[in-house]
Amino acid sequence: MGKIRIKSEKVAVYHITARIIHQRFLLADVQREVWVRALHRAAAFSGIELITYCAMGNHAHILVRIDPVARECGDDELVRRFTALYGTSRAAWCGLDARGLAHAFSQGDTTEATLLRTRLRARMGDVSEFMRTLRQRYTKWFNHTYDTAGTLWAERFGSVLVEDTPWLVGLVAAYIDLNPVRAGLVRLPEDYRWCGYAEAIAGNKDLRRSLACCCPGEGDTMQALARYRLRMLGRGAAAKRDGTGARINREALLEAVRADGELEPHELLQLKLRFMTQGAALGSPEWLDEGDGAAALGRMRKPPGTAPLNVLDGTGIAVAGRRHAGASAISLPRGASPEEPHE
């Protein structure tokens, strides 16, 4: 039997990872474009907030905020979300298109309308249903386009429950947006087309607002995004548009970790951080022991313990999971390939 997925019954943030089967590189440029569109449509349908994402060649990261109340929506909103996912295709779902769905709802509380409402709402406001929708929709497109069959995704997707505080959500978001920088594909995150930060800079207002909320304070959204960029790159790198300041000696950083040295957040983000993707939950000790994190962990058969992250001693962050304390939570990419699945 598979492990129980940790879910919160309240508004919660999840760092999701999805990997291509057999670590194959099936997400080339065209495929990533389609995957990003499918991601936006699945998020709109599910009623969740997309904070950021990054699509690599053989895996993807997604950071979302999910409110279970999202499934409690009226008929007009159901039709809008249905259209966001299925478009105006005829017989898109259960033999219905958006017009047919609206017509069924207009008949009142008939047996058919009630069943349709129940089935649609059950797919909303839930991390598992969101990922099911995304993976199935993209797989259907891929198999139809390339005349293949079967699943594209390796096993279950991964998810880490993240305490919903601006600093911590911003740290996880920055880790995600820096994936292509760590992999050596680009020198600056805004130069990588398939990540949330680049799309926000390019004009996506929803992503701008979500990332700006990670750096609250006085000023407009673009000023908040500038502070977010400083968090990712540090002042030296952020001041240089060509990215020359972003080159950090990761071997030296790892040695500092082993020697119990303290790292700045932008230095830490240059390293592979296992607790970002492999822990159960990430947050303050109080949140994990007594808050919403504890409530979510308590629904597991065998709740994992919490271990303080020594490298983040100054932040008060802890992780619930396996072997994720101190330097054991950090390593460098293995990488023969610039996109080996090391994140």
C-alpha atoms as a PDB file:
ATOM      1  CA  MET A   1       0.000   0.000   0.000  1.00  0.00           C
ATOM      2  CA  GLY A   2       1.336   3.457  -0.872  1.00  0.00           C
ATOM      3  CA  LYS A   3       2.107   6.105   1.673  1.00  0.00           C
ATOM      4  CA  ILE A   4      -0.678   8.432   2.703  1.00  0.00           C
ATOM      5  CA  ARG A   5      -0.291  11.833   1.101  1.00  0.00           C
ATOM      6  CA  ILE A   6      -0.150  14.702   3.578  1.00  0.00           C
ATOM      7  CA  LYS A   7      -2.984  17.164   3.009  1.00  0.00           C
ATOM      8  CA  SER A   8      -4.279  20.054   5.030  1.00  0.00           C
ATOM      9  CA  GLU A   9      -7.978  20.634   5.562  1.00  0.00           C
ATOM     10  CA  LYS A  10      -7.297  24.383   5.489  1.00  0.00           C
ATOM     11  CA  VAL A  11      -5.662  26.736   2.984  1.00  0.00           C
ATOM     12  CA  ALA A  12      -2.240  25.208   2.335  1.00  0.00           C
ATOM     13  CA  VAL A  13       0.844  25.564   0.154  1.00  0.00           C
ATOM     14  CA  TYR A  14       2.341  22.527  -1.604  1.00  0.00           C
ATOM     15  CA  HIS A  15       5.638  22.093  -3.413  1.00  0.00           C
ATOM     16  CA  ILE A  16       4.880  19.458  -6.041  1.00  0.00           C
ATOM     17  CA  THR A  17       7.368  17.494  -8.138  1.00  0.00           C
ATOM     18  CA  ALA A  18       6.514  15.315 -11.129  1.00  0.00           C
ATOM     19  CA  ARG A  19       9.062  13.192 -13.020  1.00  0.00           C
ATOM     20  CA  ILE A  20       9.006  11.625 -16.465  1.00  0.00           C
ATOM     21  CA  ILE A  21       9.072   7.827 -16.455  1.00  0.00           C
ATOM     22  CA  HIS A  22      12.539   6.220 -16.629  1.00  0.00           C
ATOM     23  CA  GLN A  23      14.062   9.716 -16.284  1.00  0.00           C
ATOM     24  CA  ARG A  24      13.601  10.240 -20.023  1.00  0.00           C
ATOM     25  CA  PHE A  25      13.948  13.716 -21.505  1.00  0.00           C
ATOM     26  CA  LEU A  26      10.507  14.048 -23.073  1.00  0.00           C
ATOM     27  CA  LEU A  27       9.940  17.720 -22.299  1.00  0.00           C
ATOM     28  CA  ALA A  28      11.670  19.525 -25.160  1.00  0.00           C
ATOM     29  CA  ASP A  29      10.797  23.123 -26.030  1.00  0.00           C
ATOM     30  CA  VAL A  30       7.482  22.405 -27.776  1.00  0.00           C
ATOM     31  CA  GLN A  31       6.407  19.935 -25.117  1.00  0.00           C
ATOM     32  CA  ARG A  32       7.214  22.404 -22.341  1.00  0.00           C
ATOM     33  CA  GLU A  33       5.082  25.053 -24.029  1.00  0.00           C
ATOM     34  CA  VAL A  34       2.123  22.673 -24.110  1.00  0.00           C
ATOM     35  CA  TRP A  35       2.753  21.523 -20.535  1.00  0.00           C
ATOM     36  CA  VAL A  36       2.750  25.114 -19.252  1.00  0.00           C
ATOM     37  CA  ARG A  37      -0.572  25.798 -20.988  1.00  0.00           C
ATOM     38  CA  ALA A  38      -1.994  22.607 -19.504  1.00  0.00           C
ATOM     39  CA  LEU A  39      -0.733  23.685 -16.077  1.00  0.00           C
ATOM     40  CA  HIS A  40      -2.528  27.023 -16.257  1.00  0.00           C
ATOM     41  CA  ARG A  41      -5.731  25.389 -17.436  1.00  0.00           C
ATOM     42  CA  ALA A  42      -5.659  22.725 -14.734  1.00  0.00           C
ATOM     43  CA  ALA A  43      -5.030  25.378 -12.070  1.00  0.00           C
ATOM     44  CA  ALA A  44      -7.916  27.522 -13.333  1.00  0.00           C
ATOM     45  CA  PHE A  45     -10.233  24.495 -13.408  1.00  0.00           C
ATOM     46  CA  SER A  46      -9.221  23.330  -9.937  1.00  0.00           C
ATOM     47  CA  GLY A  47      -9.647  26.784  -8.409  1.00  0.00           C
ATOM     48  CA  ILE A  48      -6.116  26.915  -7.033  1.00  0.00           C
ATOM     49  CA  GLU A  49      -3.498  29.667  -6.942  1.00  0.00           C
ATOM     50  CA  LEU A  50      -0.387  28.960  -8.998  1.00  0.00           C
ATOM     51  CA  ILE A  51       2.564  30.659  -7.263  1.00  0.00           C
ATOM     52  CA  THR A  52       5.377  29.515  -9.550  1.00  0.00           C
ATOM     53  CA  TYR A  53       6.607  26.514 -11.532  1.00  0.00           C
ATOM     54  CA  CYS A  54       9.552  25.231 -13.537  1.00  0.00           C
ATOM     55  CA  ALA A  55       9.466  22.692 -16.377  1.00  0.00           C
ATOM     56  CA  MET A  56      12.784  20.936 -16.994  1.00  0.00           C
ATOM     57  CA  GLY A  57      13.580  18.253 -19.565  1.00  0.00           C
ATOM     58  CA  ASN A  58      12.591  15.276 -17.445  1.00  0.00           C
ATOM     59  CA  HIS A  59      10.761  16.691 -14.442  1.00  0.00           C
ATOM     60  CA  ALA A  60       8.754  19.662 -13.251  1.00  0.00           C
ATOM     61  CA  HIS A  61       8.207  21.651 -10.063  1.00  0.00           C
ATOM     62  CA  ILE A  62       4.965  23.395  -9.111  1.00  0.00           C
ATOM     63  CA  LEU A  63       4.193  25.608  -6.104  1.00  0.00           C
ATOM     64  CA  VAL A  64       0.496  26.101  -5.397  1.00  0.00           C
ATOM     65  CA  ARG A  65      -1.794  27.440  -2.704  1.00  0.00           C
ATOM     66  CA  ILE A  66      -4.959  25.372  -2.368  1.00  0.00           C
ATOM     67  CA  ASP A  67      -8.135  26.236  -0.515  1.00  0.00           C
ATOM     68  CA  PRO A  68     -10.528  23.266  -0.126  1.00  0.00           C
ATOM     69  CA  VAL A  69     -13.370  25.805  -0.186  1.00  0.00           C
ATOM     70  CA  ALA A  70     -12.615  26.218  -3.919  1.00  0.00           C
ATOM     71  CA  ARG A  71     -14.968  23.334  -4.639  1.00  0.00           C
ATOM     72  CA  GLU A  72     -17.875  25.214  -3.080  1.00  0.00           C
ATOM     73  CA  CYS A  73     -18.711  27.320  -6.122  1.00  0.00           C
ATOM     74  CA  GLY A  74     -21.906  28.130  -7.978  1.00  0.00           C
ATOM     75  CA  ASP A  75     -23.067  27.053 -11.408  1.00  0.00           C
ATOM     76  CA  ASP A  76     -21.667  30.068 -13.268  1.00  0.00           C
ATOM     77  CA  GLU A  77     -18.235  29.491 -11.758  1.00  0.00           C
ATOM     78  CA  LEU A  78     -18.401  25.792 -12.574  1.00  0.00           C
ATOM     79  CA  VAL A  79     -19.081  26.615 -16.216  1.00  0.00           C
ATOM     80  CA  ARG A  80     -16.238  29.153 -16.249  1.00  0.00           C
ATOM     81  CA  ARG A  81     -13.774  26.649 -14.810  1.00  0.00           C
ATOM     82  CA  PHE A  82     -15.032  23.943 -17.157  1.00  0.00           C
ATOM     83  CA  THR A  83     -14.368  26.253 -20.102  1.00  0.00           C
ATOM     84  CA  ALA A  84     -10.894  27.127 -18.785  1.00  0.00           C
ATOM     85  CA  LEU A  85      -9.932  23.458 -18.946  1.00  0.00           C
ATOM     86  CA  TYR A  86     -11.867  22.114 -21.906  1.00  0.00           C
ATOM     87  CA  GLY A  87     -12.305  25.217 -24.027  1.00  0.00           C
ATOM     88  CA  THR A  88     -15.239  25.202 -26.417  1.00  0.00           C
ATOM     89  CA  SER A  89     -14.689  21.661 -27.675  1.00  0.00           C
ATOM     90  CA  ARG A  90     -17.794  19.671 -28.454  1.00  0.00           C
ATOM     91  CA  ALA A  91     -18.517  16.755 -26.129  1.00  0.00           C
ATOM     92  CA  ALA A  92     -15.456  17.658 -24.080  1.00  0.00           C
ATOM     93  CA  TRP A  93     -16.566  15.825 -20.930  1.00  0.00           C
ATOM     94  CA  CYS A  94     -19.416  13.380 -20.327  1.00  0.00           C
ATOM     95  CA  GLY A  95     -20.666  14.206 -23.805  1.00  0.00           C
ATOM     96  CA  LEU A  96     -21.048  17.873 -22.862  1.00  0.00           C
ATOM     97  CA  ASP A  97     -19.441  21.118 -23.919  1.00  0.00           C
ATOM     98  CA  ALA A  98     -19.647  24.345 -21.901  1.00  0.00           C
ATOM     99  CA  ARG A  99     -22.967  25.315 -23.482  1.00  0.00           C
ATOM    100  CA  GLY A 100     -24.440  21.888 -22.763  1.00  0.00           C
ATOM    101  CA  LEU A 101     -23.252  22.067 -19.166  1.00  0.00           C
ATOM    102  CA  ALA A 102     -24.811  25.491 -18.701  1.00  0.00           C
ATOM    103  CA  HIS A 103     -28.055  24.224 -20.174  1.00  0.00           C
ATOM    104  CA  ALA A 104     -28.102  21.246 -17.792  1.00  0.00           C
ATOM    105  CA  PHE A 105     -27.616  23.586 -14.826  1.00  0.00           C
ATOM    106  CA  SER A 106     -30.358  25.895 -16.085  1.00  0.00           C
ATOM    107  CA  GLN A 107     -32.883  23.090 -15.632  1.00  0.00           C
ATOM    108  CA  GLY A 108     -32.594  23.410 -11.859  1.00  0.00           C
ATOM    109  CA  ASP A 109     -31.836  20.709  -9.327  1.00  0.00           C
ATOM    110  CA  THR A 110     -32.496  17.784 -11.615  1.00  0.00           C
ATOM    111  CA  THR A 111     -30.793  14.450 -11.017  1.00  0.00           C
ATOM    112  CA  GLU A 112     -28.482  15.075 -13.982  1.00  0.00           C
ATOM    113  CA  ALA A 113     -27.508  18.578 -12.866  1.00  0.00           C
ATOM    114  CA  THR A 114     -26.865  17.446  -9.292  1.00  0.00           C
ATOM    115  CA  LEU A 115     -24.649  14.608 -10.492  1.00  0.00           C
ATOM    116  CA  LEU A 116     -22.685  16.930 -12.778  1.00  0.00           C
ATOM    117  CA  ARG A 117     -22.129  19.455  -9.994  1.00  0.00           C
ATOM    118  CA  THR A 118     -20.963  16.745  -7.610  1.00  0.00           C
ATOM    119  CA  ARG A 119     -18.540  15.204 -10.096  1.00  0.00           C
ATOM    120  CA  LEU A 120     -16.998  18.527 -11.086  1.00  0.00           C
ATOM    121  CA  ARG A 121     -16.657  19.873  -7.557  1.00  0.00           C
ATOM    122  CA  ALA A 122     -14.988  16.647  -6.432  1.00  0.00           C
ATOM    123  CA  ARG A 123     -12.134  17.462  -8.840  1.00  0.00           C
ATOM    124  CA  MET A 124     -11.501  20.917  -7.366  1.00  0.00           C
ATOM    125  CA  GLY A 125      -9.643  22.295  -4.355  1.00  0.00           C
ATOM    126  CA  ASP A 126      -7.522  19.170  -3.906  1.00  0.00           C
ATOM    127  CA  VAL A 127      -3.836  18.605  -4.706  1.00  0.00           C
ATOM    128  CA  SER A 128      -4.316  15.014  -5.880  1.00  0.00           C
ATOM    129  CA  GLU A 129      -7.192  15.833  -8.207  1.00  0.00           C
ATOM    130  CA  PHE A 130      -5.319  18.852  -9.567  1.00  0.00           C
ATOM    131  CA  MET A 131      -2.321  16.697 -10.476  1.00  0.00           C
ATOM    132  CA  ARG A 132      -4.528  13.968 -11.884  1.00  0.00           C
ATOM    133  CA  THR A 133      -6.159  16.509 -14.187  1.00  0.00           C
ATOM    134  CA  LEU A 134      -2.832  18.012 -15.263  1.00  0.00           C
ATOM    135  CA  ARG A 135      -1.037  14.734 -15.900  1.00  0.00           C
ATOM    136  CA  GLN A 136      -3.934  13.105 -17.704  1.00  0.00           C
ATOM    137  CA  ARG A 137      -4.581  16.100 -19.959  1.00  0.00           C
ATOM    138  CA  TYR A 138      -0.919  16.438 -20.933  1.00  0.00           C
ATOM    139  CA  THR A 139      -0.489  12.668 -21.447  1.00  0.00           C
ATOM    140  CA  LYS A 140      -3.542  12.591 -23.694  1.00  0.00           C
ATOM    141  CA  TRP A 141      -2.079  15.383 -25.850  1.00  0.00           C
ATOM    142  CA  PHE A 142       1.371  13.753 -25.983  1.00  0.00           C
ATOM    143  CA  ASN A 143       0.091  10.305 -26.943  1.00  0.00           C
ATOM    144  CA  HIS A 144      -2.232  11.719 -29.591  1.00  0.00           C
ATOM    145  CA  THR A 145       0.457  13.985 -31.057  1.00  0.00           C
ATOM    146  CA  TYR A 146       3.260  11.417 -31.179  1.00  0.00           C
ATOM    147  CA  ASP A 147       1.151   8.278 -31.733  1.00  0.00           C
ATOM    148  CA  THR A 148       2.256   6.680 -28.478  1.00  0.00           C
ATOM    149  CA  ALA A 149       0.402   5.033 -25.612  1.00  0.00           C
ATOM    150  CA  GLY A 150       0.711   4.631 -21.871  1.00  0.00           C
ATOM    151  CA  THR A 151       1.770   6.851 -19.018  1.00  0.00           C
ATOM    152  CA  LEU A 152       4.527   9.457 -19.196  1.00  0.00           C
ATOM    153  CA  TRP A 153       4.913   9.996 -15.468  1.00  0.00           C
ATOM    154  CA  ALA A 154       6.971   8.057 -12.962  1.00  0.00           C
ATOM    155  CA  GLU A 155       4.965   6.668 -10.041  1.00  0.00           C
ATOM    156  CA  ARG A 156       3.200   9.152  -7.775  1.00  0.00           C
ATOM    157  CA  PHE A 157       3.983  12.830  -7.807  1.00  0.00           C
ATOM    158  CA  GLY A 158       5.857  14.208  -4.811  1.00  0.00           C
ATOM    159  CA  SER A 159       4.485  16.912  -2.526  1.00  0.00           C
ATOM    160  CA  VAL A 160       5.829  18.786   0.479  1.00  0.00           C
ATOM    161  CA  LEU A 161       3.437  20.735   2.687  1.00  0.00           C
ATOM    162  CA  VAL A 162       4.903  24.222   3.260  1.00  0.00           C
ATOM    163  CA  GLU A 163       4.014  26.594   6.075  1.00  0.00           C
ATOM    164  CA  ASP A 164       2.223  29.532   4.460  1.00  0.00           C
ATOM    165  CA  THR A 165       4.472  32.419   5.501  1.00  0.00           C
ATOM    166  CA  PRO A 166       5.861  34.907   2.952  1.00  0.00           C
ATOM    167  CA  TRP A 167       9.517  34.226   3.773  1.00  0.00           C
ATOM    168  CA  LEU A 168       9.293  30.436   3.559  1.00  0.00           C
ATOM    169  CA  VAL A 169       6.981  30.330   0.531  1.00  0.00           C
ATOM    170  CA  GLY A 170       9.335  32.808  -1.140  1.00  0.00           C
ATOM    171  CA  LEU A 171      12.338  30.609  -0.342  1.00  0.00           C
ATOM    172  CA  VAL A 172      10.694  27.548  -1.898  1.00  0.00           C
ATOM    173  CA  ALA A 173       9.544  29.592  -4.906  1.00  0.00           C
ATOM    174  CA  ALA A 174      13.086  30.914  -5.417  1.00  0.00           C
ATOM    175  CA  TYR A 175      14.459  27.373  -5.213  1.00  0.00           C
ATOM    176  CA  ILE A 176      12.052  26.342  -7.969  1.00  0.00           C
ATOM    177  CA  ASP A 177      12.758  29.324 -10.223  1.00  0.00           C
ATOM    178  CA  LEU A 178      16.529  28.748  -9.861  1.00  0.00           C
ATOM    179  CA  ASN A 179      16.343  25.179 -11.197  1.00  0.00           C
ATOM    180  CA  PRO A 180      17.669  26.079 -14.676  1.00  0.00           C
ATOM    181  CA  VAL A 181      20.425  28.222 -13.136  1.00  0.00           C
ATOM    182  CA  ARG A 182      21.614  25.348 -10.932  1.00  0.00           C
ATOM    183  CA  ALA A 183      21.482  23.025 -13.954  1.00  0.00           C
ATOM    184  CA  GLY A 184      23.689  25.394 -15.966  1.00  0.00           C
ATOM    185  CA  LEU A 185      21.082  26.035 -18.666  1.00  0.00           C
ATOM    186  CA  VAL A 186      20.944  29.806 -18.116  1.00  0.00           C
ATOM    187  CA  ARG A 187      22.787  32.339 -15.987  1.00  0.00           C
ATOM    188  CA  LEU A 188      19.662  34.186 -14.834  1.00  0.00           C
ATOM    189  CA  PRO A 189      16.179  32.800 -14.064  1.00  0.00           C
ATOM    190  CA  GLU A 190      14.412  35.368 -16.245  1.00  0.00           C
ATOM    191  CA  ASP A 191      16.246  33.936 -19.253  1.00  0.00           C
ATOM    192  CA  TYR A 192      14.548  30.558 -18.879  1.00  0.00           C
ATOM    193  CA  ARG A 193      11.209  30.620 -20.665  1.00  0.00           C
ATOM    194  CA  TRP A 194       9.491  27.827 -18.738  1.00  0.00           C
ATOM    195  CA  CYS A 195       9.499  29.071 -15.146  1.00  0.00           C
ATOM    196  CA  GLY A 196       7.035  31.177 -13.202  1.00  0.00           C
ATOM    197  CA  TYR A 197       9.394  34.092 -12.552  1.00  0.00           C
ATOM    198  CA  ALA A 198      10.185  34.538 -16.247  1.00  0.00           C
ATOM    199  CA  GLU A 199       6.481  34.426 -17.110  1.00  0.00           C
ATOM    200  CA  ALA A 200       5.720  36.959 -14.371  1.00  0.00           C
ATOM    201  CA  ILE A 201       8.370  39.320 -15.717  1.00  0.00           C
ATOM    202  CA  ALA A 202       6.951  38.803 -19.211  1.00  0.00           C
ATOM    203  CA  GLY A 203       3.568  40.065 -18.056  1.00  0.00           C
ATOM    204  CA  ASN A 204       1.493  37.350 -16.363  1.00  0.00           C
ATOM    205  CA  LYS A 205      -0.330  39.424 -13.738  1.00  0.00           C
ATOM    206  CA  ASP A 206      -1.508  36.473 -11.644  1.00  0.00           C
ATOM    207  CA  LEU A 207       2.024  35.131 -11.234  1.00  0.00           C
ATOM    208  CA  ARG A 208       3.299  38.641 -10.542  1.00  0.00           C
ATOM    209  CA  ARG A 209       0.843  39.043  -7.670  1.00  0.00           C
ATOM    210  CA  SER A 210       1.594  35.605  -6.247  1.00  0.00           C
ATOM    211  CA  LEU A 211       5.368  36.059  -6.291  1.00  0.00           C
ATOM    212  CA  ALA A 212       5.086  39.648  -5.031  1.00  0.00           C
ATOM    213  CA  CYS A 213       3.230  38.342  -1.969  1.00  0.00           C
ATOM    214  CA  CYS A 214       6.392  36.402  -1.101  1.00  0.00           C
ATOM    215  CA  CYS A 215       8.154  39.747  -0.518  1.00  0.00           C
ATOM    216  CA  PRO A 216       5.559  41.945   1.200  1.00  0.00           C
ATOM    217  CA  GLY A 217       6.269  45.565   2.022  1.00  0.00           C
ATOM    218  CA  GLU A 218       5.692  49.023   0.720  1.00  0.00           C
ATOM    219  CA  GLY A 219       5.869  49.515  -3.007  1.00  0.00           C
ATOM    220  CA  ASP A 220       4.205  48.140  -6.115  1.00  0.00           C
ATOM    221  CA  THR A 221       4.262  44.641  -7.554  1.00  0.00           C
ATOM    222  CA  MET A 222       7.360  45.197  -9.677  1.00  0.00           C
ATOM    223  CA  GLN A 223       9.289  46.475  -6.651  1.00  0.00           C
ATOM    224  CA  ALA A 224       8.279  43.343  -4.778  1.00  0.00           C
ATOM    225  CA  LEU A 225       9.495  41.234  -7.702  1.00  0.00           C
ATOM    226  CA  ALA A 226      12.812  43.090  -7.563  1.00  0.00           C
ATOM    227  CA  ARG A 227      13.135  42.090  -3.896  1.00  0.00           C
ATOM    228  CA  TYR A 228      12.296  38.518  -4.879  1.00  0.00           C
ATOM    229  CA  ARG A 229      15.097  38.600  -7.455  1.00  0.00           C
ATOM    230  CA  LEU A 230      17.534  39.785  -4.788  1.00  0.00           C
ATOM    231  CA  ARG A 231      16.509  36.810  -2.681  1.00  0.00           C
ATOM    232  CA  MET A 232      17.297  34.479  -5.561  1.00  0.00           C
ATOM    233  CA  LEU A 233      20.601  35.975  -6.690  1.00  0.00           C
ATOM    234  CA  GLY A 234      22.003  38.212  -3.969  1.00  0.00           C
ATOM    235  CA  ARG A 235      22.922  41.831  -4.411  1.00  0.00           C
ATOM    236  CA  GLY A 236      26.100  41.242  -6.393  1.00  0.00           C
ATOM    237  CA  ALA A 237      24.470  39.027  -8.978  1.00  0.00           C
ATOM    238  CA  ALA A 238      21.225  40.962  -9.125  1.00  0.00           C
ATOM    239  CA  ALA A 239      23.106  44.155  -9.938  1.00  0.00           C
ATOM    240  CA  LYS A 240      24.587  42.603 -13.097  1.00  0.00           C
ATOM    241  CA  ARG A 241      22.160  41.929 -15.919  1.00  0.00           C
ATOM    242  CA  ASP A 242      24.661  39.669 -17.701  1.00  0.00           C
ATOM    243  CA  GLY A 243      24.608  37.313 -14.748  1.00  0.00           C
ATOM    244  CA  THR A 244      28.355  37.359 -14.118  1.00  0.00           C
ATOM    245  CA  GLY A 245      27.714  37.880 -10.433  1.00  0.00           C
ATOM    246  CA  ALA A 246      25.593  34.740 -10.266  1.00  0.00           C
ATOM    247  CA  ARG A 247      28.526  32.335 -10.592  1.00  0.00           C
ATOM    248  CA  ILE A 248      29.005  30.811  -7.158  1.00  0.00           C
ATOM    249  CA  ASN A 249      31.554  28.180  -6.179  1.00  0.00           C
ATOM    250  CA  ARG A 250      29.204  25.453  -5.003  1.00  0.00           C
ATOM    251  CA  GLU A 251      32.041  23.237  -3.762  1.00  0.00           C
ATOM    252  CA  ALA A 252      33.091  26.053  -1.428  1.00  0.00           C
ATOM    253  CA  LEU A 253      29.503  26.452  -0.244  1.00  0.00           C
ATOM    254  CA  LEU A 254      29.208  22.754   0.490  1.00  0.00           C
ATOM    255  CA  GLU A 255      32.425  22.878   2.488  1.00  0.00           C
ATOM    256  CA  ALA A 256      30.980  25.766   4.487  1.00  0.00           C
ATOM    257  CA  VAL A 257      27.918  23.658   5.252  1.00  0.00           C
ATOM    258  CA  ARG A 258      30.057  20.750   6.396  1.00  0.00           C
ATOM    259  CA  ALA A 259      31.941  23.105   8.695  1.00  0.00           C
ATOM    260  CA  ASP A 260      28.644  24.311  10.207  1.00  0.00           C
ATOM    261  CA  GLY A 261      29.040  27.673   8.544  1.00  0.00           C
ATOM    262  CA  GLU A 262      26.166  30.024   7.873  1.00  0.00           C
ATOM    263  CA  LEU A 263      25.025  30.745   4.339  1.00  0.00           C
ATOM    264  CA  GLU A 264      22.993  33.588   2.938  1.00  0.00           C
ATOM    265  CA  PRO A 265      19.680  32.462   1.391  1.00  0.00           C
ATOM    266  CA  HIS A 266      20.857  33.116  -2.169  1.00  0.00           C
ATOM    267  CA  GLU A 267      23.974  31.014  -1.484  1.00  0.00           C
ATOM    268  CA  LEU A 268      21.936  28.195  -0.012  1.00  0.00           C
ATOM    269  CA  LEU A 269      19.668  28.180  -3.061  1.00  0.00           C
ATOM    270  CA  GLN A 270      22.627  27.349  -5.313  1.00  0.00           C
ATOM    271  CA  LEU A 271      22.776  23.880  -3.737  1.00  0.00           C
ATOM    272  CA  LYS A 272      20.590  20.840  -4.088  1.00  0.00           C
ATOM    273  CA  LEU A 273      18.303  20.835  -1.038  1.00  0.00           C
ATOM    274  CA  ARG A 274      16.721  17.445  -0.509  1.00  0.00           C
ATOM    275  CA  PHE A 275      14.341  18.707   2.144  1.00  0.00           C
ATOM    276  CA  MET A 276      12.683  20.897  -0.496  1.00  0.00           C
ATOM    277  CA  THR A 277      11.417  17.846  -2.381  1.00  0.00           C
ATOM    278  CA  GLN A 278      11.712  14.799  -0.128  1.00  0.00           C
ATOM    279  CA  GLY A 279      10.484  15.930   3.261  1.00  0.00           C
ATOM    280  CA  ALA A 280       6.901  15.575   4.419  1.00  0.00           C
ATOM    281  CA  ALA A 281       6.376  19.143   5.623  1.00  0.00           C
ATOM    282  CA  LEU A 282       8.503  22.267   5.972  1.00  0.00           C
ATOM    283  CA  GLY A 283       7.923  25.052   8.472  1.00  0.00           C
ATOM    284  CA  SER A 284       8.617  26.390  11.925  1.00  0.00           C
ATOM    285  CA  PRO A 285       8.893  23.884  14.812  1.00  0.00           C
ATOM    286  CA  GLU A 286       5.757  25.421  16.352  1.00  0.00           C
ATOM    287  CA  TRP A 287       3.768  24.940  13.148  1.00  0.00           C
ATOM    288  CA  LEU A 288       4.966  21.348  12.800  1.00  0.00           C
ATOM    289  CA  ASP A 289       4.386  20.505  16.477  1.00  0.00           C
ATOM    290  CA  GLU A 290       1.184  22.361  17.290  1.00  0.00           C
ATOM    291  CA  GLY A 291      -0.136  24.250  14.257  1.00  0.00           C
ATOM    292  CA  ASP A 292      -1.794  23.283  10.976  1.00  0.00           C
ATOM    293  CA  GLY A 293       1.281  21.295  10.011  1.00  0.00           C
ATOM    294  CA  ALA A 294       0.857  19.096  13.066  1.00  0.00           C
ATOM    295  CA  ALA A 295      -2.818  18.593  12.232  1.00  0.00           C
ATOM    296  CA  ALA A 296      -1.944  17.420   8.716  1.00  0.00           C
ATOM    297  CA  LEU A 297       0.856  15.155   9.916  1.00  0.00           C
ATOM    298  CA  GLY A 298      -1.392  13.709  12.584  1.00  0.00           C
ATOM    299  CA  ARG A 299      -3.633  12.130   9.939  1.00  0.00           C
ATOM    300  CA  MET A 300      -0.760   9.896   8.802  1.00  0.00           C
ATOM    301  CA  ARG A 301      -0.507   6.357  10.159  1.00  0.00           C
ATOM    302  CA  LYS A 302       3.092   6.944  11.287  1.00  0.00           C
ATOM    303  CA  PRO A 303       3.742  10.686  11.560  1.00  0.00           C
ATOM    304  CA  PRO A 304       7.420  11.485  10.819  1.00  0.00           C
ATOM    305  CA  GLY A 305       9.515  13.340  13.343  1.00  0.00           C
ATOM    306  CA  THR A 306      10.779  16.851  12.830  1.00  0.00           C
ATOM    307  CA  ALA A 307      14.454  17.643  12.452  1.00  0.00           C
ATOM    308  CA  PRO A 308      15.933  21.139  12.636  1.00  0.00           C
ATOM    309  CA  LEU A 309      17.841  22.288   9.561  1.00  0.00           C
ATOM    310  CA  ASN A 310      21.221  23.281  10.929  1.00  0.00           C
ATOM    311  CA  VAL A 311      22.143  25.243   7.841  1.00  0.00           C
ATOM    312  CA  LEU A 312      19.105  27.429   8.474  1.00  0.00           C
ATOM    313  CA  ASP A 313      19.612  27.867  12.209  1.00  0.00           C
ATOM    314  CA  GLY A 314      19.004  31.589  11.976  1.00  0.00           C
ATOM    315  CA  THR A 315      15.605  31.090  10.354  1.00  0.00           C
ATOM    316  CA  GLY A 316      13.948  28.674  12.774  1.00  0.00           C
ATOM    317  CA  ILE A 317      12.898  26.362   9.928  1.00  0.00           C
ATOM    318  CA  ALA A 318      12.420  22.643  10.561  1.00  0.00           C
ATOM    319  CA  VAL A 319      11.495  19.736   8.315  1.00  0.00           C
ATOM    320  CA  ALA A 320       9.333  16.712   9.008  1.00  0.00           C
ATOM    321  CA  GLY A 321      10.591  13.681   7.146  1.00  0.00           C
ATOM    322  CA  ARG A 322      13.455  11.253   6.785  1.00  0.00           C
ATOM    323  CA  ARG A 323      17.152  12.069   7.298  1.00  0.00           C
ATOM    324  CA  HIS A 324      16.796  15.740   6.461  1.00  0.00           C
ATOM    325  CA  ALA A 325      18.873  17.496   9.121  1.00  0.00           C
ATOM    326  CA  GLY A 326      21.972  19.576   8.580  1.00  0.00           C
ATOM    327  CA  ALA A 327      24.427  18.813   5.782  1.00  0.00           C
ATOM    328  CA  SER A 328      22.727  15.489   5.005  1.00  0.00           C
ATOM    329  CA  ALA A 329      19.887  17.531   3.542  1.00  0.00           C
ATOM    330  CA  ILE A 330      22.214  19.195   1.051  1.00  0.00           C
ATOM    331  CA  SER A 331      24.327  17.939  -1.838  1.00  0.00           C
ATOM    332  CA  LEU A 332      25.589  19.023  -5.217  1.00  0.00           C
ATOM    333  CA  PRO A 333      24.088  17.845  -8.523  1.00  0.00           C
ATOM    334  CA  ARG A 334      25.475  14.548  -9.782  1.00  0.00           C
ATOM    335  CA  GLY A 335      25.110  15.729 -13.290  1.00  0.00           C
ATOM    336  CA  ALA A 336      26.751  14.295 -16.381  1.00  0.00           C
ATOM    337  CA  SER A 337      23.882  15.920 -18.218  1.00  0.00           C
ATOM    338  CA  PRO A 338      22.972  19.573 -17.605  1.00  0.00           C
ATOM    339  CA  GLU A 339      19.388  18.441 -17.025  1.00  0.00           C
ATOM    340  CA  GLU A 340      19.936  15.248 -15.088  1.00  0.00           C
ATOM    341  CA  PRO A 341      17.059  14.794 -12.611  1.00  0.00           C
ATOM    342  CA  HIS A 342      18.950  16.166  -9.635  1.00  0.00           C
ATOM    343  CA  GLU A 343      16.356  18.579  -8.298  1.00  0.00           C
END
